Amino acid sequence: MKFKGNYSGSKTLNFKISPKGTTVLKLTAKKAKFEIKWLTQTTQTTGYQIQYCTKSNFSGAKSSTISSNVKGSASIRSLKVRTKYYVRIRTYKKVSSTNYYSDWSKSYTVTTK
């Protein structure tokens, strides 16, 4: 390809690269708590963020952060008995002081005992 004339200048492009997401493998209901197991992502992640709520749109949701990318399970405690909870999870990668998050997994439901 040939161009006619004189050209000069520069162009800068910025990219936001998100870490690979994860999925929930198993949700187990217990009395006033639930246990969650997920597929670990050890190469692109620093940890995981679990979000849970009694509303399906996750308004007013609480979250729990797991700062290890090797651990693939957690127990969420101090919940209401016989209550339906919606749960989702995502991975994050910490670069300097900034956390970069993947997309949320699909929503799962669990009812405490």
PDB file of N, CA and C in Angstrom:
ATOM      1  N   MET A   1       0.846  -1.160   0.000  1.00  0.00           N
ATOM      2  CA  MET A   1       0.000   0.000   0.000  1.00  0.00           C
ATOM      3  C   MET A   1       0.902   1.237   0.000  1.00  0.00           C
ATOM      4  N   LYS A   2       0.609   2.173  -0.878  1.00  0.00           N
ATOM      5  CA  LYS A   2       1.399   3.398  -0.963  1.00  0.00           C
ATOM      6  C   LYS A   2       0.499   4.586  -0.650  1.00  0.00           C
ATOM      7  N   PHE A   3       1.052   5.530   0.102  1.00  0.00           N
ATOM      8  CA  PHE A   3       0.333   6.756   0.433  1.00  0.00           C
ATOM      9  C   PHE A   3       0.980   7.928  -0.293  1.00  0.00           C
ATOM     10  N   LYS A   4       0.178   8.882  -0.665  1.00  0.00           N
ATOM     11  CA  LYS A   4       0.700  10.080  -1.305  1.00  0.00           C
ATOM     12  C   LYS A   4       0.747  11.206  -0.291  1.00  0.00           C
ATOM     13  N   GLY A   5       1.760  12.021  -0.324  1.00  0.00           N
ATOM     14  CA  GLY A   5       1.874  13.147   0.594  1.00  0.00           C
ATOM     15  C   GLY A   5       2.733  12.810   1.793  1.00  0.00           C
ATOM     16  N   ASN A   6       2.862  13.803   2.679  1.00  0.00           N
ATOM     17  CA  ASN A   6       3.656  13.645   3.889  1.00  0.00           C
ATOM     18  C   ASN A   6       2.719  13.455   5.079  1.00  0.00           C
ATOM     19  N   TYR A   7       2.996  12.456   5.867  1.00  0.00           N
ATOM     20  CA  TYR A   7       2.174  12.159   7.034  1.00  0.00           C
ATOM     21  C   TYR A   7       3.052  12.147   8.275  1.00  0.00           C
ATOM     22  N   SER A   8       2.512  12.641   9.364  1.00  0.00           N
ATOM     23  CA  SER A   8       3.225  12.566  10.635  1.00  0.00           C
ATOM     24  C   SER A   8       2.203  12.555  11.759  1.00  0.00           C
ATOM     25  N   GLY A   9       2.646  12.178  12.945  1.00  0.00           N
ATOM     26  CA  GLY A   9       1.752  12.144  14.098  1.00  0.00           C
ATOM     27  C   GLY A   9       1.841  10.815  14.823  1.00  0.00           C
ATOM     28  N   SER A  10       1.037  10.695  15.833  1.00  0.00           N
ATOM     29  CA  SER A  10       1.014   9.455  16.606  1.00  0.00           C
ATOM     30  C   SER A  10      -0.396   9.208  17.096  1.00  0.00           C
ATOM     31  N   LYS A  11      -0.645   7.984  17.454  1.00  0.00           N
ATOM     32  CA  LYS A  11      -1.954   7.596  17.965  1.00  0.00           C
ATOM     33  C   LYS A  11      -1.744   6.673  19.159  1.00  0.00           C
ATOM     34  N   THR A  12      -2.449   6.948  20.226  1.00  0.00           N
ATOM     35  CA  THR A  12      -2.339   6.145  21.434  1.00  0.00           C
ATOM     36  C   THR A  12      -3.646   5.394  21.634  1.00  0.00           C
ATOM     37  N   LEU A  13      -3.551   4.117  21.901  1.00  0.00           N
ATOM     38  CA  LEU A  13      -4.722   3.287  22.171  1.00  0.00           C
ATOM     39  C   LEU A  13      -4.617   2.728  23.581  1.00  0.00           C
ATOM     40  N   ASN A  14      -5.726   2.734  24.314  1.00  0.00           N
ATOM     41  CA  ASN A  14      -5.777   2.155  25.655  1.00  0.00           C
ATOM     42  C   ASN A  14      -6.700   0.954  25.636  1.00  0.00           C
ATOM     43  N   PHE A  15      -6.300  -0.097  26.320  1.00  0.00           N
ATOM     44  CA  PHE A  15      -7.088  -1.310  26.399  1.00  0.00           C
ATOM     45  C   PHE A  15      -7.325  -1.662  27.857  1.00  0.00           C
ATOM     46  N   LYS A  16      -8.523  -2.122  28.153  1.00  0.00           N
ATOM     47  CA  LYS A  16      -8.816  -2.640  29.481  1.00  0.00           C
ATOM     48  C   LYS A  16      -8.981  -4.148  29.335  1.00  0.00           C
ATOM     49  N   ILE A  17      -8.068  -4.885  29.917  1.00  0.00           N
ATOM     50  CA  ILE A  17      -8.099  -6.339  29.821  1.00  0.00           C
ATOM     51  C   ILE A  17      -8.603  -6.889  31.146  1.00  0.00           C
ATOM     52  N   SER A  18      -9.746  -7.528  31.108  1.00  0.00           N
ATOM     53  CA  SER A  18     -10.359  -8.092  32.311  1.00  0.00           C
ATOM     54  C   SER A  18      -9.867  -9.515  32.525  1.00  0.00           C
ATOM     55  N   PRO A  19      -9.773  -9.955  33.784  1.00  0.00           N
ATOM     56  CA  PRO A  19      -9.368 -11.337  34.032  1.00  0.00           C
ATOM     57  C   PRO A  19     -10.469 -12.312  33.627  1.00  0.00           C
ATOM     58  N   LYS A  20     -10.080 -13.552  33.445  1.00  0.00           N
ATOM     59  CA  LYS A  20     -11.023 -14.604  33.085  1.00  0.00           C
ATOM     60  C   LYS A  20     -11.983 -14.856  34.249  1.00  0.00           C
ATOM     61  N   GLY A  21     -13.243 -15.051  33.958  1.00  0.00           N
ATOM     62  CA  GLY A  21     -14.253 -15.271  34.991  1.00  0.00           C
ATOM     63  C   GLY A  21     -14.243 -16.695  35.522  1.00  0.00           C
ATOM     64  N   THR A  22     -15.177 -16.975  36.414  1.00  0.00           N
ATOM     65  CA  THR A  22     -15.297 -18.303  37.005  1.00  0.00           C
ATOM     66  C   THR A  22     -16.769 -18.672  37.135  1.00  0.00           C
ATOM     67  N   THR A  23     -17.037 -19.910  37.495  1.00  0.00           N
ATOM     68  CA  THR A  23     -18.407 -20.376  37.675  1.00  0.00           C
ATOM     69  C   THR A  23     -18.534 -21.113  39.003  1.00  0.00           C
ATOM     70  N   VAL A  24     -19.733 -21.138  39.516  1.00  0.00           N
ATOM     71  CA  VAL A  24     -20.024 -21.849  40.759  1.00  0.00           C
ATOM     72  C   VAL A  24     -20.201 -23.324  40.426  1.00  0.00           C
ATOM     73  N   LEU A  25     -19.506 -24.183  41.161  1.00  0.00           N
ATOM     74  CA  LEU A  25     -19.627 -25.626  40.967  1.00  0.00           C
ATOM     75  C   LEU A  25     -20.692 -26.234  41.875  1.00  0.00           C
ATOM     76  N   LYS A  26     -20.770 -25.730  43.125  1.00  0.00           N
ATOM     77  CA  LYS A  26     -21.701 -26.334  44.087  1.00  0.00           C
ATOM     78  C   LYS A  26     -22.081 -25.324  45.159  1.00  0.00           C
ATOM     79  N   LEU A  27     -23.366 -25.288  45.489  1.00  0.00           N
ATOM     80  CA  LEU A  27     -23.880 -24.499  46.609  1.00  0.00           C
ATOM     81  C   LEU A  27     -24.545 -25.467  47.578  1.00  0.00           C
ATOM     82  N   THR A  28     -24.144 -25.429  48.831  1.00  0.00           N
ATOM     83  CA  THR A  28     -24.695 -26.324  49.834  1.00  0.00           C
ATOM     84  C   THR A  28     -25.334 -25.509  50.949  1.00  0.00           C
ATOM     85  N   ALA A  29     -26.613 -25.765  51.212  1.00  0.00           N
ATOM     86  CA  ALA A  29     -27.330 -25.049  52.264  1.00  0.00           C
ATOM     87  C   ALA A  29     -27.058 -25.691  53.619  1.00  0.00           C
ATOM     88  N   LYS A  30     -26.812 -24.860  54.610  1.00  0.00           N
ATOM     89  CA  LYS A  30     -26.623 -25.290  55.992  1.00  0.00           C
ATOM     90  C   LYS A  30     -27.532 -24.418  56.856  1.00  0.00           C
ATOM     91  N   LYS A  31     -27.511 -24.649  58.172  1.00  0.00           N
ATOM     92  CA  LYS A  31     -28.333 -23.844  59.064  1.00  0.00           C
ATOM     93  C   LYS A  31     -27.713 -22.457  59.222  1.00  0.00           C
ATOM     94  N   ALA A  32     -28.427 -21.427  58.783  1.00  0.00           N
ATOM     95  CA  ALA A  32     -28.024 -20.019  58.856  1.00  0.00           C
ATOM     96  C   ALA A  32     -26.723 -19.717  58.112  1.00  0.00           C
ATOM     97  N   LYS A  33     -26.375 -20.558  57.125  1.00  0.00           N
ATOM     98  CA  LYS A  33     -25.196 -20.306  56.303  1.00  0.00           C
ATOM     99  C   LYS A  33     -25.294 -21.138  55.034  1.00  0.00           C
ATOM    100  N   PHE A  34     -24.383 -20.879  54.100  1.00  0.00           N
ATOM    101  CA  PHE A  34     -24.241 -21.746  52.939  1.00  0.00           C
ATOM    102  C   PHE A  34     -22.768 -21.851  52.574  1.00  0.00           C
ATOM    103  N   GLU A  35     -22.438 -22.947  51.901  1.00  0.00           N
ATOM    104  CA  GLU A  35     -21.081 -23.179  51.441  1.00  0.00           C
ATOM    105  C   GLU A  35     -21.078 -23.123  49.925  1.00  0.00           C
ATOM    106  N   ILE A  36     -20.050 -22.492  49.387  1.00  0.00           N
ATOM    107  CA  ILE A  36     -19.947 -22.318  47.945  1.00  0.00           C
ATOM    108  C   ILE A  36     -18.607 -22.860  47.478  1.00  0.00           C
ATOM    109  N   LYS A  37     -18.636 -23.577  46.349  1.00  0.00           N
ATOM    110  CA  LYS A  37     -17.416 -24.065  45.712  1.00  0.00           C
ATOM    111  C   LYS A  37     -17.420 -23.558  44.279  1.00  0.00           C
ATOM    112  N   TRP A  38     -16.247 -23.124  43.806  1.00  0.00           N
ATOM    113  CA  TRP A  38     -16.167 -22.578  42.458  1.00  0.00           C
ATOM    114  C   TRP A  38     -14.936 -23.109  41.746  1.00  0.00           C
ATOM    115  N   LEU A  39     -14.906 -22.905  40.442  1.00  0.00           N
ATOM    116  CA  LEU A  39     -13.792 -23.296  39.602  1.00  0.00           C
ATOM    117  C   LEU A  39     -12.665 -22.290  39.786  1.00  0.00           C
ATOM    118  N   THR A  40     -11.498 -22.740  40.221  1.00  0.00           N
ATOM    119  CA  THR A  40     -10.393 -21.815  40.491  1.00  0.00           C
ATOM    120  C   THR A  40      -9.736 -21.364  39.186  1.00  0.00           C
ATOM    121  N   GLN A  41      -9.303 -20.112  39.174  1.00  0.00           N
ATOM    122  CA  GLN A  41      -8.565 -19.514  38.055  1.00  0.00           C
ATOM    123  C   GLN A  41      -7.241 -19.003  38.627  1.00  0.00           C
ATOM    124  N   THR A  42      -6.182 -19.766  38.523  1.00  0.00           N
ATOM    125  CA  THR A  42      -4.930 -19.405  39.188  1.00  0.00           C
ATOM    126  C   THR A  42      -4.005 -18.538  38.349  1.00  0.00           C
ATOM    127  N   THR A  43      -4.197 -18.458  37.039  1.00  0.00           N
ATOM    128  CA  THR A  43      -3.215 -17.763  36.207  1.00  0.00           C
ATOM    129  C   THR A  43      -3.466 -16.263  36.092  1.00  0.00           C
ATOM    130  N   GLN A  44      -4.681 -15.821  35.924  1.00  0.00           N
ATOM    131  CA  GLN A  44      -4.952 -14.404  35.669  1.00  0.00           C
ATOM    132  C   GLN A  44      -5.568 -13.685  36.850  1.00  0.00           C
ATOM    133  N   THR A  45      -5.668 -14.314  38.000  1.00  0.00           N
ATOM    134  CA  THR A  45      -6.432 -13.728  39.089  1.00  0.00           C
ATOM    135  C   THR A  45      -5.620 -13.566  40.358  1.00  0.00           C
ATOM    136  N   THR A  46      -6.082 -12.625  41.191  1.00  0.00           N
ATOM    137  CA  THR A  46      -5.528 -12.432  42.522  1.00  0.00           C
ATOM    138  C   THR A  46      -6.470 -13.022  43.560  1.00  0.00           C
ATOM    139  N   GLY A  47      -7.779 -12.973  43.298  1.00  0.00           N
ATOM    140  CA  GLY A  47      -8.761 -13.481  44.242  1.00  0.00           C
ATOM    141  C   GLY A  47     -10.149 -13.481  43.655  1.00  0.00           C
ATOM    142  N   TYR A  48     -11.143 -13.619  44.551  1.00  0.00           N
ATOM    143  CA  TYR A  48     -12.542 -13.755  44.142  1.00  0.00           C
ATOM    144  C   TYR A  48     -13.417 -12.839  44.989  1.00  0.00           C
ATOM    145  N   GLN A  49     -14.532 -12.429  44.427  1.00  0.00           N
ATOM    146  CA  GLN A  49     -15.527 -11.661  45.159  1.00  0.00           C
ATOM    147  C   GLN A  49     -16.863 -12.379  45.025  1.00  0.00           C
ATOM    148  N   ILE A  50     -17.460 -12.709  46.169  1.00  0.00           N
ATOM    149  CA  ILE A  50     -18.751 -13.387  46.211  1.00  0.00           C
ATOM    150  C   ILE A  50     -19.792 -12.372  46.654  1.00  0.00           C
ATOM    151  N   GLN A  51     -20.895 -12.307  45.923  1.00  0.00           N
ATOM    152  CA  GLN A  51     -21.974 -11.378  46.273  1.00  0.00           C
ATOM    153  C   GLN A  51     -23.234 -12.199  46.523  1.00  0.00           C
ATOM    154  N   TYR A  52     -23.974 -11.847  47.587  1.00  0.00           N
ATOM    155  CA  TYR A  52     -25.194 -12.578  47.928  1.00  0.00           C
ATOM    156  C   TYR A  52     -26.249 -11.598  48.418  1.00  0.00           C
ATOM    157  N   CYS A  53     -27.521 -11.951  48.143  1.00  0.00           N
ATOM    158  CA  CYS A  53     -28.628 -11.048  48.469  1.00  0.00           C
ATOM    159  C   CYS A  53     -29.930 -11.836  48.467  1.00  0.00           C
ATOM    160  N   THR A  54     -30.929 -11.303  49.130  1.00  0.00           N
ATOM    161  CA  THR A  54     -32.252 -11.921  49.118  1.00  0.00           C
ATOM    162  C   THR A  54     -33.089 -11.444  47.932  1.00  0.00           C
ATOM    163  N   LYS A  55     -32.603 -10.455  47.194  1.00  0.00           N
ATOM    164  CA  LYS A  55     -33.313  -9.926  46.025  1.00  0.00           C
ATOM    165  C   LYS A  55     -32.595 -10.372  44.762  1.00  0.00           C
ATOM    166  N   SER A  56     -33.346 -10.742  43.739  1.00  0.00           N
ATOM    167  CA  SER A  56     -32.747 -11.260  42.509  1.00  0.00           C
ATOM    168  C   SER A  56     -31.996 -10.203  41.716  1.00  0.00           C
ATOM    169  N   ASN A  57     -32.287  -8.914  41.945  1.00  0.00           N
ATOM    170  CA  ASN A  57     -31.561  -7.853  41.227  1.00  0.00           C
ATOM    171  C   ASN A  57     -30.309  -7.391  41.982  1.00  0.00           C
ATOM    172  N   PHE A  58     -30.014  -8.016  43.121  1.00  0.00           N
ATOM    173  CA  PHE A  58     -28.829  -7.771  43.939  1.00  0.00           C
ATOM    174  C   PHE A  58     -28.761  -6.344  44.496  1.00  0.00           C
ATOM    175  N   SER A  59     -29.894  -5.684  44.643  1.00  0.00           N
ATOM    176  CA  SER A  59     -29.876  -4.363  45.286  1.00  0.00           C
ATOM    177  C   SER A  59     -29.700  -4.556  46.790  1.00  0.00           C
ATOM    178  N   GLY A  60     -28.777  -3.827  47.364  1.00  0.00           N
ATOM    179  CA  GLY A  60     -28.465  -3.967  48.783  1.00  0.00           C
ATOM    180  C   GLY A  60     -27.695  -5.232  49.098  1.00  0.00           C
ATOM    181  N   ALA A  61     -26.972  -5.764  48.124  1.00  0.00           N
ATOM    182  CA  ALA A  61     -26.259  -7.022  48.301  1.00  0.00           C
ATOM    183  C   ALA A  61     -25.037  -6.850  49.195  1.00  0.00           C
ATOM    184  N   LYS A  62     -24.672  -7.934  49.861  1.00  0.00           N
ATOM    185  CA  LYS A  62     -23.449  -7.987  50.650  1.00  0.00           C
ATOM    186  C   LYS A  62     -22.427  -8.774  49.845  1.00  0.00           C
ATOM    187  N   SER A  63     -21.147  -8.490  50.104  1.00  0.00           N
ATOM    188  CA  SER A  63     -20.123  -9.219  49.374  1.00  0.00           C
ATOM    189  C   SER A  63     -19.020  -9.678  50.313  1.00  0.00           C
ATOM    190  N   SER A  64     -18.355 -10.719  49.882  1.00  0.00           N
ATOM    191  CA  SER A  64     -17.240 -11.281  50.624  1.00  0.00           C
ATOM    192  C   SER A  64     -16.080 -11.441  49.650  1.00  0.00           C
ATOM    193  N   THR A  65     -14.879 -11.014  50.064  1.00  0.00           N
ATOM    194  CA  THR A  65     -13.714 -11.079  49.192  1.00  0.00           C
ATOM    195  C   THR A  65     -12.760 -12.159  49.685  1.00  0.00           C
ATOM    196  N   ILE A  66     -12.355 -13.021  48.770  1.00  0.00           N
ATOM    197  CA  ILE A  66     -11.376 -14.068  49.045  1.00  0.00           C
ATOM    198  C   ILE A  66     -10.089 -13.633  48.360  1.00  0.00           C
ATOM    199  N   SER A  67      -9.041 -13.360  49.138  1.00  0.00           N
ATOM    200  CA  SER A  67      -7.818 -12.790  48.583  1.00  0.00           C
ATOM    201  C   SER A  67      -6.793 -13.844  48.169  1.00  0.00           C
ATOM    202  N   SER A  68      -7.228 -15.072  47.974  1.00  0.00           N
ATOM    203  CA  SER A  68      -6.347 -16.138  47.513  1.00  0.00           C
ATOM    204  C   SER A  68      -6.914 -16.714  46.222  1.00  0.00           C
ATOM    205  N   ASN A  69      -6.088 -16.856  45.195  1.00  0.00           N
ATOM    206  CA  ASN A  69      -6.591 -17.416  43.947  1.00  0.00           C
ATOM    207  C   ASN A  69      -6.518 -18.939  43.915  1.00  0.00           C
ATOM    208  N   VAL A  70      -5.954 -19.553  44.933  1.00  0.00           N
ATOM    209  CA  VAL A  70      -5.827 -21.005  44.993  1.00  0.00           C
ATOM    210  C   VAL A  70      -7.044 -21.631  45.671  1.00  0.00           C
ATOM    211  N   LYS A  71      -7.617 -20.923  46.640  1.00  0.00           N
ATOM    212  CA  LYS A  71      -8.755 -21.442  47.386  1.00  0.00           C
ATOM    213  C   LYS A  71      -9.987 -21.480  46.494  1.00  0.00           C
ATOM    214  N   GLY A  72     -10.720 -22.593  46.517  1.00  0.00           N
ATOM    215  CA  GLY A  72     -11.888 -22.752  45.658  1.00  0.00           C
ATOM    216  C   GLY A  72     -13.182 -22.952  46.404  1.00  0.00           C
ATOM    217  N   SER A  73     -13.224 -22.567  47.693  1.00  0.00           N
ATOM    218  CA  SER A  73     -14.461 -22.721  48.451  1.00  0.00           C
ATOM    219  C   SER A  73     -14.505 -21.705  49.581  1.00  0.00           C
ATOM    220  N   ALA A  74     -15.713 -21.437  50.048  1.00  0.00           N
ATOM    221  CA  ALA A  74     -15.905 -20.503  51.164  1.00  0.00           C
ATOM    222  C   ALA A  74     -17.217 -20.827  51.847  1.00  0.00           C
ATOM    223  N   SER A  75     -17.350 -20.349  53.070  1.00  0.00           N
ATOM    224  CA  SER A  75     -18.572 -20.509  53.845  1.00  0.00           C
ATOM    225  C   SER A  75     -19.071 -19.117  54.234  1.00  0.00           C
ATOM    226  N   ILE A  76     -20.292 -18.813  53.868  1.00  0.00           N
ATOM    227  CA  ILE A  76     -20.904 -17.529  54.194  1.00  0.00           C
ATOM    228  C   ILE A  76     -21.820 -17.755  55.392  1.00  0.00           C
ATOM    229  N   ARG A  77     -21.514 -17.080  56.501  1.00  0.00           N
ATOM    230  CA  ARG A  77     -22.194 -17.336  57.778  1.00  0.00           C
ATOM    231  C   ARG A  77     -23.081 -16.161  58.196  1.00  0.00           C
ATOM    232  N   SER A  78     -23.745 -16.330  59.311  1.00  0.00           N
ATOM    233  CA  SER A  78     -24.608 -15.317  59.939  1.00  0.00           C
ATOM    234  C   SER A  78     -25.728 -14.852  59.010  1.00  0.00           C
ATOM    235  N   LEU A  79     -26.409 -15.807  58.413  1.00  0.00           N
ATOM    236  CA  LEU A  79     -27.528 -15.512  57.523  1.00  0.00           C
ATOM    237  C   LEU A  79     -28.845 -15.842  58.214  1.00  0.00           C
ATOM    238  N   LYS A  80     -29.941 -15.418  57.608  1.00  0.00           N
ATOM    239  CA  LYS A  80     -31.272 -15.733  58.147  1.00  0.00           C
ATOM    240  C   LYS A  80     -31.613 -17.188  57.844  1.00  0.00           C
ATOM    241  N   VAL A  81     -32.316 -17.815  58.775  1.00  0.00           N
ATOM    242  CA  VAL A  81     -32.724 -19.202  58.629  1.00  0.00           C
ATOM    243  C   VAL A  81     -33.894 -19.294  57.646  1.00  0.00           C
ATOM    244  N   ARG A  82     -33.921 -20.356  56.842  1.00  0.00           N
ATOM    245  CA  ARG A  82     -34.976 -20.624  55.858  1.00  0.00           C
ATOM    246  C   ARG A  82     -35.259 -19.435  54.945  1.00  0.00           C
ATOM    247  N   THR A  83     -34.199 -18.871  54.413  1.00  0.00           N
ATOM    248  CA  THR A  83     -34.310 -17.712  53.526  1.00  0.00           C
ATOM    249  C   THR A  83     -33.617 -18.029  52.211  1.00  0.00           C
ATOM    250  N   LYS A  84     -34.242 -17.585  51.120  1.00  0.00           N
ATOM    251  CA  LYS A  84     -33.679 -17.802  49.788  1.00  0.00           C
ATOM    252  C   LYS A  84     -32.671 -16.702  49.469  1.00  0.00           C
ATOM    253  N   TYR A  85     -31.462 -17.094  49.075  1.00  0.00           N
ATOM    254  CA  TYR A  85     -30.402 -16.158  48.721  1.00  0.00           C
ATOM    255  C   TYR A  85     -29.992 -16.358  47.264  1.00  0.00           C
ATOM    256  N   TYR A  86     -29.706 -15.253  46.621  1.00  0.00           N
ATOM    257  CA  TYR A  86     -29.158 -15.256  45.270  1.00  0.00           C
ATOM    258  C   TYR A  86     -27.654 -15.017  45.395  1.00  0.00           C
ATOM    259  N   VAL A  87     -26.878 -15.796  44.668  1.00  0.00           N
ATOM    260  CA  VAL A  87     -25.420 -15.777  44.825  1.00  0.00           C
ATOM    261  C   VAL A  87     -24.775 -15.671  43.446  1.00  0.00           C
ATOM    262  N   ARG A  88     -23.702 -14.874  43.358  1.00  0.00           N
ATOM    263  CA  ARG A  88     -22.885 -14.821  42.149  1.00  0.00           C
ATOM    264  C   ARG A  88     -21.439 -14.551  42.550  1.00  0.00           C
ATOM    265  N   ILE A  89     -20.519 -14.801  41.628  1.00  0.00           N
ATOM    266  CA  ILE A  89     -19.097 -14.692  41.935  1.00  0.00           C
ATOM    267  C   ILE A  89     -18.357 -14.100  40.729  1.00  0.00           C
ATOM    268  N   ARG A  90     -17.244 -13.424  41.007  1.00  0.00           N
ATOM    269  CA  ARG A  90     -16.374 -12.930  39.943  1.00  0.00           C
ATOM    270  C   ARG A  90     -14.932 -12.953  40.429  1.00  0.00           C
ATOM    271  N   THR A  91     -14.004 -12.898  39.494  1.00  0.00           N
ATOM    272  CA  THR A  91     -12.585 -12.878  39.827  1.00  0.00           C
ATOM    273  C   THR A  91     -12.075 -11.451  39.753  1.00  0.00           C
ATOM    274  N   TYR A  92     -10.937 -11.218  40.396  1.00  0.00           N
ATOM    275  CA  TYR A  92     -10.291  -9.918  40.250  1.00  0.00           C
ATOM    276  C   TYR A  92      -8.782 -10.090  40.187  1.00  0.00           C
ATOM    277  N   LYS A  93      -8.141  -9.131  39.555  1.00  0.00           N
ATOM    278  CA  LYS A  93      -6.685  -9.089  39.449  1.00  0.00           C
ATOM    279  C   LYS A  93      -6.235  -7.747  39.983  1.00  0.00           C
ATOM    280  N   LYS A  94      -5.316  -7.759  40.944  1.00  0.00           N
ATOM    281  CA  LYS A  94      -4.803  -6.525  41.532  1.00  0.00           C
ATOM    282  C   LYS A  94      -3.500  -6.146  40.837  1.00  0.00           C
ATOM    283  N   VAL A  95      -3.484  -4.950  40.248  1.00  0.00           N
ATOM    284  CA  VAL A  95      -2.297  -4.412  39.595  1.00  0.00           C
ATOM    285  C   VAL A  95      -2.019  -3.077  40.256  1.00  0.00           C
ATOM    286  N   SER A  96      -0.849  -2.946  40.876  1.00  0.00           N
ATOM    287  CA  SER A  96      -0.498  -1.788  41.702  1.00  0.00           C
ATOM    288  C   SER A  96      -1.546  -1.658  42.804  1.00  0.00           C
ATOM    289  N   SER A  97      -2.330  -0.589  42.804  1.00  0.00           N
ATOM    290  CA  SER A  97      -3.365  -0.427  43.831  1.00  0.00           C
ATOM    291  C   SER A  97      -4.765  -0.503  43.228  1.00  0.00           C
ATOM    292  N   THR A  98      -4.868  -0.953  41.983  1.00  0.00           N
ATOM    293  CA  THR A  98      -6.155  -1.006  41.293  1.00  0.00           C
ATOM    294  C   THR A  98      -6.598  -2.451  41.118  1.00  0.00           C
ATOM    295  N   ASN A  99      -7.877  -2.725  41.388  1.00  0.00           N
ATOM    296  CA  ASN A  99      -8.458  -4.040  41.160  1.00  0.00           C
ATOM    297  C   ASN A  99      -9.213  -4.029  39.835  1.00  0.00           C
ATOM    298  N   TYR A 100      -8.947  -5.023  38.994  1.00  0.00           N
ATOM    299  CA  TYR A 100      -9.656  -5.205  37.728  1.00  0.00           C
ATOM    300  C   TYR A 100     -10.531  -6.444  37.871  1.00  0.00           C
ATOM    301  N   TYR A 101     -11.838  -6.288  37.627  1.00  0.00           N
ATOM    302  CA  TYR A 101     -12.810  -7.352  37.869  1.00  0.00           C
ATOM    303  C   TYR A 101     -13.280  -7.983  36.565  1.00  0.00           C
ATOM    304  N   SER A 102     -13.575  -9.283  36.624  1.00  0.00           N
ATOM    305  CA  SER A 102     -14.207  -9.967  35.504  1.00  0.00           C
ATOM    306  C   SER A 102     -15.712  -9.702  35.573  1.00  0.00           C
ATOM    307  N   ASP A 103     -16.440 -10.226  34.616  1.00  0.00           N
ATOM    308  CA  ASP A 103     -17.892 -10.137  34.664  1.00  0.00           C
ATOM    309  C   ASP A 103     -18.411 -11.077  35.748  1.00  0.00           C
ATOM    310  N   TRP A 104     -19.606 -10.774  36.253  1.00  0.00           N
ATOM    311  CA  TRP A 104     -20.225 -11.643  37.241  1.00  0.00           C
ATOM    312  C   TRP A 104     -20.626 -12.959  36.583  1.00  0.00           C
ATOM    313  N   SER A 105     -20.594 -14.033  37.355  1.00  0.00           N
ATOM    314  CA  SER A 105     -21.113 -15.300  36.876  1.00  0.00           C
ATOM    315  C   SER A 105     -22.636 -15.215  36.829  1.00  0.00           C
ATOM    316  N   LYS A 106     -23.271 -16.231  36.294  1.00  0.00           N
ATOM    317  CA  LYS A 106     -24.732 -16.223  36.338  1.00  0.00           C
ATOM    318  C   LYS A 106     -25.187 -16.355  37.792  1.00  0.00           C
ATOM    319  N   SER A 107     -26.408 -16.001  38.053  1.00  0.00           N
ATOM    320  CA  SER A 107     -26.945 -16.006  39.410  1.00  0.00           C
ATOM    321  C   SER A 107     -27.403 -17.409  39.798  1.00  0.00           C
ATOM    322  N   TYR A 108     -27.097 -17.807  41.025  1.00  0.00           N
ATOM    323  CA  TYR A 108     -27.520 -19.095  41.579  1.00  0.00           C
ATOM    324  C   TYR A 108     -28.370 -18.842  42.821  1.00  0.00           C
ATOM    325  N   THR A 109     -29.210 -19.804  43.165  1.00  0.00           N
ATOM    326  CA  THR A 109     -30.047 -19.652  44.355  1.00  0.00           C
ATOM    327  C   THR A 109     -29.771 -20.782  45.344  1.00  0.00           C
ATOM    328  N   VAL A 110     -29.893 -20.428  46.624  1.00  0.00           N
ATOM    329  CA  VAL A 110     -29.750 -21.404  47.696  1.00  0.00           C
ATOM    330  C   VAL A 110     -30.668 -20.950  48.827  1.00  0.00           C
ATOM    331  N   THR A 111     -31.328 -21.907  49.486  1.00  0.00           N
ATOM    332  CA  THR A 111     -32.201 -21.606  50.621  1.00  0.00           C
ATOM    333  C   THR A 111     -31.584 -22.198  51.879  1.00  0.00           C
ATOM    334  N   THR A 112     -31.319 -21.341  52.850  1.00  0.00           N
ATOM    335  CA  THR A 112     -30.694 -21.811  54.094  1.00  0.00           C
ATOM    336  C   THR A 112     -31.658 -22.683  54.867  1.00  0.00           C
ATOM    337  N   LYS A 113     -31.109 -23.550  55.724  1.00  0.00           N
ATOM    338  CA  LYS A 113     -31.936 -24.460  56.512  1.00  0.00           C
ATOM    339  C   LYS A 113     -32.265 -23.867  57.858  1.00  0.00           C
TER     340      LYS A 113
END
